[in-house]
Every structure is written in C-alpha cells, then in structure tokens.
Amino acid sequence: MTGEAVNPKAYPLADAQLTITILDLVQQAANYKQLKKGANEATKTLNRGISEFIVMAADTEPLEILLHLPLLAEDKVLFFR
C-alpha cells in the first residue's frame, strides 16, 4: 500500500519482506488449485476447519467486510498476526 491512506482498523500490516513471502505462498496455493478468494469463501473454510492460512487485504472497501474473520479465526484456533 504505497502512498495510500491506511485504515487504522487494518492492523497489523505485513512489512515488505513478509509481503513477498505471503505473495509467494499465495502463488503456490493458486498453482495447486488450493486458493479460495473472498470473505465468503474464507468464512466457509474457517467454519469447516480446513483453512490454514488467510490473507486479508488492508485496502478492502469497506473494510468491515473482513473484520469478522480474525474473531472467527480466533474461535477456530487459527493463529493470526
């Protein structure tokens, strides 16, 4: 997110090195056809207990679409940072 105003609710944000690592993981998941996109798909995989890693975009508009995911992940014992 270069040059854009960051929503204060979008915390914590990944640094540059972690962003590159996350993008590599997302590309690998896409190559293996294991990638799910969107808040609804993320919610479904959390509820089913099959998600291991969820990436949330800080530039989502409105950000409130994603704010339930950390709470749900915490309930399902999926760690987030």
N, C-alpha and C. Protein backbone atom coordinates (compact mmCIF):
# COMPACT_ATOMS: atom_id res chain seq x y z
N MET A 1 0.84 -1.17 0.00
CA MET A 1 0.00 0.00 0.00
C MET A 1 0.89 1.24 0.00
N THR A 2 1.34 1.59 -1.13
CA THR A 2 2.25 2.72 -1.23
C THR A 2 1.49 3.99 -1.53
N GLY A 3 1.65 4.97 -0.66
CA GLY A 3 1.07 6.27 -0.90
C GLY A 3 -0.41 6.39 -0.60
N GLU A 4 -1.04 5.33 -0.15
CA GLU A 4 -2.46 5.39 0.15
C GLU A 4 -2.67 5.55 1.65
N ALA A 5 -3.78 6.14 2.02
CA ALA A 5 -4.12 6.24 3.43
C ALA A 5 -4.53 4.87 3.94
N VAL A 6 -3.96 4.47 5.07
CA VAL A 6 -4.22 3.16 5.63
C VAL A 6 -5.31 3.28 6.68
N ASN A 7 -6.30 2.44 6.58
CA ASN A 7 -7.36 2.41 7.56
C ASN A 7 -6.78 1.95 8.89
N PRO A 8 -7.02 2.67 10.00
CA PRO A 8 -6.44 2.27 11.29
C PRO A 8 -6.98 0.94 11.80
N LYS A 9 -8.10 0.48 11.27
CA LYS A 9 -8.63 -0.83 11.67
C LYS A 9 -7.83 -1.97 11.06
N ALA A 10 -7.08 -1.69 10.01
CA ALA A 10 -6.27 -2.70 9.33
C ALA A 10 -4.94 -2.83 10.05
N TYR A 11 -4.94 -3.62 11.10
CA TYR A 11 -3.73 -3.80 11.91
C TYR A 11 -3.65 -5.24 12.33
N PRO A 12 -2.54 -5.87 12.34
CA PRO A 12 -1.21 -5.43 11.92
C PRO A 12 -1.03 -5.58 10.42
N LEU A 13 -0.14 -4.79 9.88
CA LEU A 13 0.20 -4.86 8.46
C LEU A 13 1.53 -5.58 8.28
N ALA A 14 1.67 -6.29 7.19
CA ALA A 14 2.91 -7.01 6.90
C ALA A 14 3.97 -6.03 6.39
N ASP A 15 5.22 -6.28 6.79
CA ASP A 15 6.31 -5.47 6.25
C ASP A 15 6.65 -5.96 4.84
N ALA A 16 7.62 -5.33 4.20
CA ALA A 16 7.93 -5.64 2.80
C ALA A 16 8.38 -7.08 2.60
N GLN A 17 9.26 -7.58 3.46
CA GLN A 17 9.76 -8.95 3.31
C GLN A 17 8.64 -9.97 3.53
N LEU A 18 7.81 -9.75 4.53
CA LEU A 18 6.70 -10.66 4.80
C LEU A 18 5.69 -10.63 3.66
N THR A 19 5.48 -9.46 3.07
CA THR A 19 4.57 -9.35 1.93
C THR A 19 5.03 -10.21 0.77
N ILE A 20 6.33 -10.21 0.50
CA ILE A 20 6.88 -11.04 -0.59
C ILE A 20 6.66 -12.51 -0.28
N THR A 21 6.91 -12.91 0.97
CA THR A 21 6.71 -14.30 1.37
C THR A 21 5.25 -14.71 1.23
N ILE A 22 4.34 -13.83 1.65
CA ILE A 22 2.91 -14.12 1.55
C ILE A 22 2.50 -14.26 0.09
N LEU A 23 2.99 -13.37 -0.77
CA LEU A 23 2.65 -13.46 -2.20
C LEU A 23 3.17 -14.75 -2.81
N ASP A 24 4.36 -15.21 -2.39
CA ASP A 24 4.88 -16.49 -2.87
C ASP A 24 3.97 -17.64 -2.45
N LEU A 25 3.51 -17.61 -1.20
CA LEU A 25 2.60 -18.66 -0.72
C LEU A 25 1.27 -18.64 -1.48
N VAL A 26 0.77 -17.46 -1.76
CA VAL A 26 -0.49 -17.34 -2.50
C VAL A 26 -0.32 -17.88 -3.92
N GLN A 27 0.81 -17.60 -4.55
CA GLN A 27 1.06 -18.13 -5.90
C GLN A 27 1.16 -19.64 -5.88
N GLN A 28 1.82 -20.21 -4.88
CA GLN A 28 1.91 -21.66 -4.77
C GLN A 28 0.54 -22.28 -4.57
N ALA A 29 -0.28 -21.67 -3.71
CA ALA A 29 -1.62 -22.18 -3.48
C ALA A 29 -2.45 -22.12 -4.75
N ALA A 30 -2.29 -21.06 -5.53
CA ALA A 30 -3.02 -20.94 -6.80
C ALA A 30 -2.57 -22.02 -7.78
N ASN A 31 -1.28 -22.32 -7.81
CA ASN A 31 -0.77 -23.35 -8.72
C ASN A 31 -1.30 -24.73 -8.35
N TYR A 32 -1.51 -24.98 -7.07
CA TYR A 32 -2.02 -26.27 -6.62
C TYR A 32 -3.55 -26.30 -6.53
N LYS A 33 -4.20 -25.25 -7.03
CA LYS A 33 -5.66 -25.14 -7.02
C LYS A 33 -6.23 -25.23 -5.60
N GLN A 34 -5.52 -24.65 -4.64
CA GLN A 34 -5.94 -24.66 -3.25
C GLN A 34 -6.36 -23.28 -2.77
N LEU A 35 -6.44 -22.32 -3.66
CA LEU A 35 -6.71 -20.94 -3.30
C LEU A 35 -8.21 -20.67 -3.32
N LYS A 36 -8.71 -20.08 -2.25
CA LYS A 36 -10.09 -19.62 -2.17
C LYS A 36 -10.05 -18.10 -2.08
N LYS A 37 -10.97 -17.42 -2.76
CA LYS A 37 -10.96 -15.97 -2.79
C LYS A 37 -12.25 -15.42 -2.22
N GLY A 38 -12.14 -14.36 -1.46
CA GLY A 38 -13.30 -13.65 -0.96
C GLY A 38 -13.61 -13.95 0.49
N ALA A 39 -14.33 -13.02 1.09
CA ALA A 39 -14.69 -13.14 2.50
C ALA A 39 -15.63 -14.31 2.74
N ASN A 40 -16.55 -14.56 1.81
CA ASN A 40 -17.49 -15.67 1.99
C ASN A 40 -16.77 -17.01 1.96
N GLU A 41 -15.86 -17.19 1.01
CA GLU A 41 -15.10 -18.45 0.93
C GLU A 41 -14.21 -18.62 2.16
N ALA A 42 -13.61 -17.53 2.63
CA ALA A 42 -12.77 -17.61 3.83
C ALA A 42 -13.60 -18.01 5.04
N THR A 43 -14.80 -17.46 5.15
CA THR A 43 -15.68 -17.82 6.26
C THR A 43 -16.08 -19.28 6.19
N LYS A 44 -16.40 -19.76 4.99
CA LYS A 44 -16.78 -21.17 4.84
C LYS A 44 -15.64 -22.10 5.24
N THR A 45 -14.42 -21.80 4.79
CA THR A 45 -13.30 -22.68 5.12
C THR A 45 -12.96 -22.63 6.60
N LEU A 46 -13.12 -21.48 7.23
CA LEU A 46 -12.91 -21.40 8.67
C LEU A 46 -13.94 -22.24 9.42
N ASN A 47 -15.19 -22.13 9.02
CA ASN A 47 -16.25 -22.89 9.69
C ASN A 47 -16.08 -24.39 9.49
N ARG A 48 -15.58 -24.79 8.33
CA ARG A 48 -15.37 -26.22 8.06
C ARG A 48 -14.08 -26.75 8.67
N GLY A 49 -13.23 -25.85 9.14
CA GLY A 49 -11.98 -26.26 9.77
C GLY A 49 -10.90 -26.68 8.80
N ILE A 50 -10.96 -26.23 7.56
CA ILE A 50 -9.97 -26.65 6.57
C ILE A 50 -8.99 -25.53 6.20
N SER A 51 -9.19 -24.34 6.73
CA SER A 51 -8.27 -23.25 6.38
C SER A 51 -7.06 -23.27 7.31
N GLU A 52 -5.90 -23.03 6.71
CA GLU A 52 -4.66 -22.96 7.47
C GLU A 52 -4.05 -21.57 7.42
N PHE A 53 -4.41 -20.81 6.41
CA PHE A 53 -3.78 -19.51 6.20
C PHE A 53 -4.77 -18.61 5.49
N ILE A 54 -5.03 -17.44 6.06
CA ILE A 54 -5.95 -16.49 5.44
C ILE A 54 -5.23 -15.15 5.31
N VAL A 55 -5.27 -14.58 4.12
CA VAL A 55 -4.67 -13.28 3.85
C VAL A 55 -5.81 -12.29 3.69
N MET A 56 -5.74 -11.19 4.43
CA MET A 56 -6.76 -10.16 4.32
C MET A 56 -6.12 -8.89 3.77
N ALA A 57 -6.75 -8.28 2.80
CA ALA A 57 -6.21 -7.07 2.17
C ALA A 57 -6.61 -5.84 2.98
N ALA A 58 -5.63 -4.99 3.25
CA ALA A 58 -5.89 -3.79 4.04
C ALA A 58 -6.61 -2.71 3.25
N ASP A 59 -6.64 -2.84 1.91
CA ASP A 59 -7.29 -1.83 1.09
C ASP A 59 -8.71 -2.23 0.68
N THR A 60 -9.29 -3.18 1.38
CA THR A 60 -10.66 -3.60 1.10
C THR A 60 -11.62 -2.46 1.44
N GLU A 61 -12.57 -2.23 0.58
CA GLU A 61 -13.58 -1.19 0.81
C GLU A 61 -14.96 -1.79 0.76
N PRO A 62 -15.75 -1.70 1.74
CA PRO A 62 -15.44 -1.28 3.11
C PRO A 62 -14.70 -2.39 3.86
N LEU A 63 -13.83 -1.99 4.74
CA LEU A 63 -13.00 -2.94 5.49
C LEU A 63 -13.84 -3.81 6.41
N GLU A 64 -15.01 -3.35 6.78
CA GLU A 64 -15.87 -4.09 7.70
C GLU A 64 -16.27 -5.45 7.15
N ILE A 65 -16.14 -5.64 5.83
CA ILE A 65 -16.43 -6.94 5.22
C ILE A 65 -15.54 -8.02 5.81
N LEU A 66 -14.30 -7.66 6.17
CA LEU A 66 -13.32 -8.64 6.64
C LEU A 66 -13.16 -8.69 8.16
N LEU A 67 -13.73 -7.76 8.88
CA LEU A 67 -13.43 -7.64 10.30
C LEU A 67 -13.94 -8.80 11.15
N HIS A 68 -14.84 -9.62 10.62
CA HIS A 68 -15.30 -10.78 11.39
C HIS A 68 -14.33 -11.95 11.30
N LEU A 69 -13.44 -11.94 10.31
CA LEU A 69 -12.54 -13.08 10.09
C LEU A 69 -11.54 -13.30 11.22
N PRO A 70 -10.89 -12.27 11.78
CA PRO A 70 -9.99 -12.54 12.91
C PRO A 70 -10.71 -13.12 14.12
N LEU A 71 -11.92 -12.67 14.39
CA LEU A 71 -12.68 -13.22 15.51
C LEU A 71 -13.04 -14.67 15.27
N LEU A 72 -13.46 -14.97 14.06
CA LEU A 72 -13.80 -16.35 13.72
C LEU A 72 -12.56 -17.24 13.75
N ALA A 73 -11.44 -16.73 13.27
CA ALA A 73 -10.19 -17.49 13.29
C ALA A 73 -9.75 -17.77 14.72
N GLU A 74 -9.94 -16.80 15.59
CA GLU A 74 -9.58 -17.00 17.00
C GLU A 74 -10.47 -18.06 17.64
N ASP A 75 -11.74 -18.06 17.31
CA ASP A 75 -12.66 -19.09 17.82
C ASP A 75 -12.29 -20.47 17.31
N LYS A 76 -11.80 -20.54 16.08
CA LYS A 76 -11.45 -21.82 15.47
C LYS A 76 -9.99 -22.19 15.73
N VAL A 77 -9.30 -21.45 16.58
CA VAL A 77 -7.91 -21.69 16.99
C VAL A 77 -6.96 -21.63 15.79
N LEU A 78 -7.21 -20.73 14.87
CA LEU A 78 -6.28 -20.43 13.79
C LEU A 78 -5.56 -19.15 14.21
N PHE A 79 -4.25 -19.19 14.27
CA PHE A 79 -3.49 -18.06 14.77
C PHE A 79 -3.36 -17.00 13.69
N PHE A 80 -3.38 -15.76 14.10
CA PHE A 80 -3.19 -14.67 13.15
C PHE A 80 -2.25 -13.64 13.77
N ARG A 81 -1.51 -12.95 12.89
CA ARG A 81 -0.60 -11.89 13.32
C ARG A 81 -0.73 -10.73 12.38
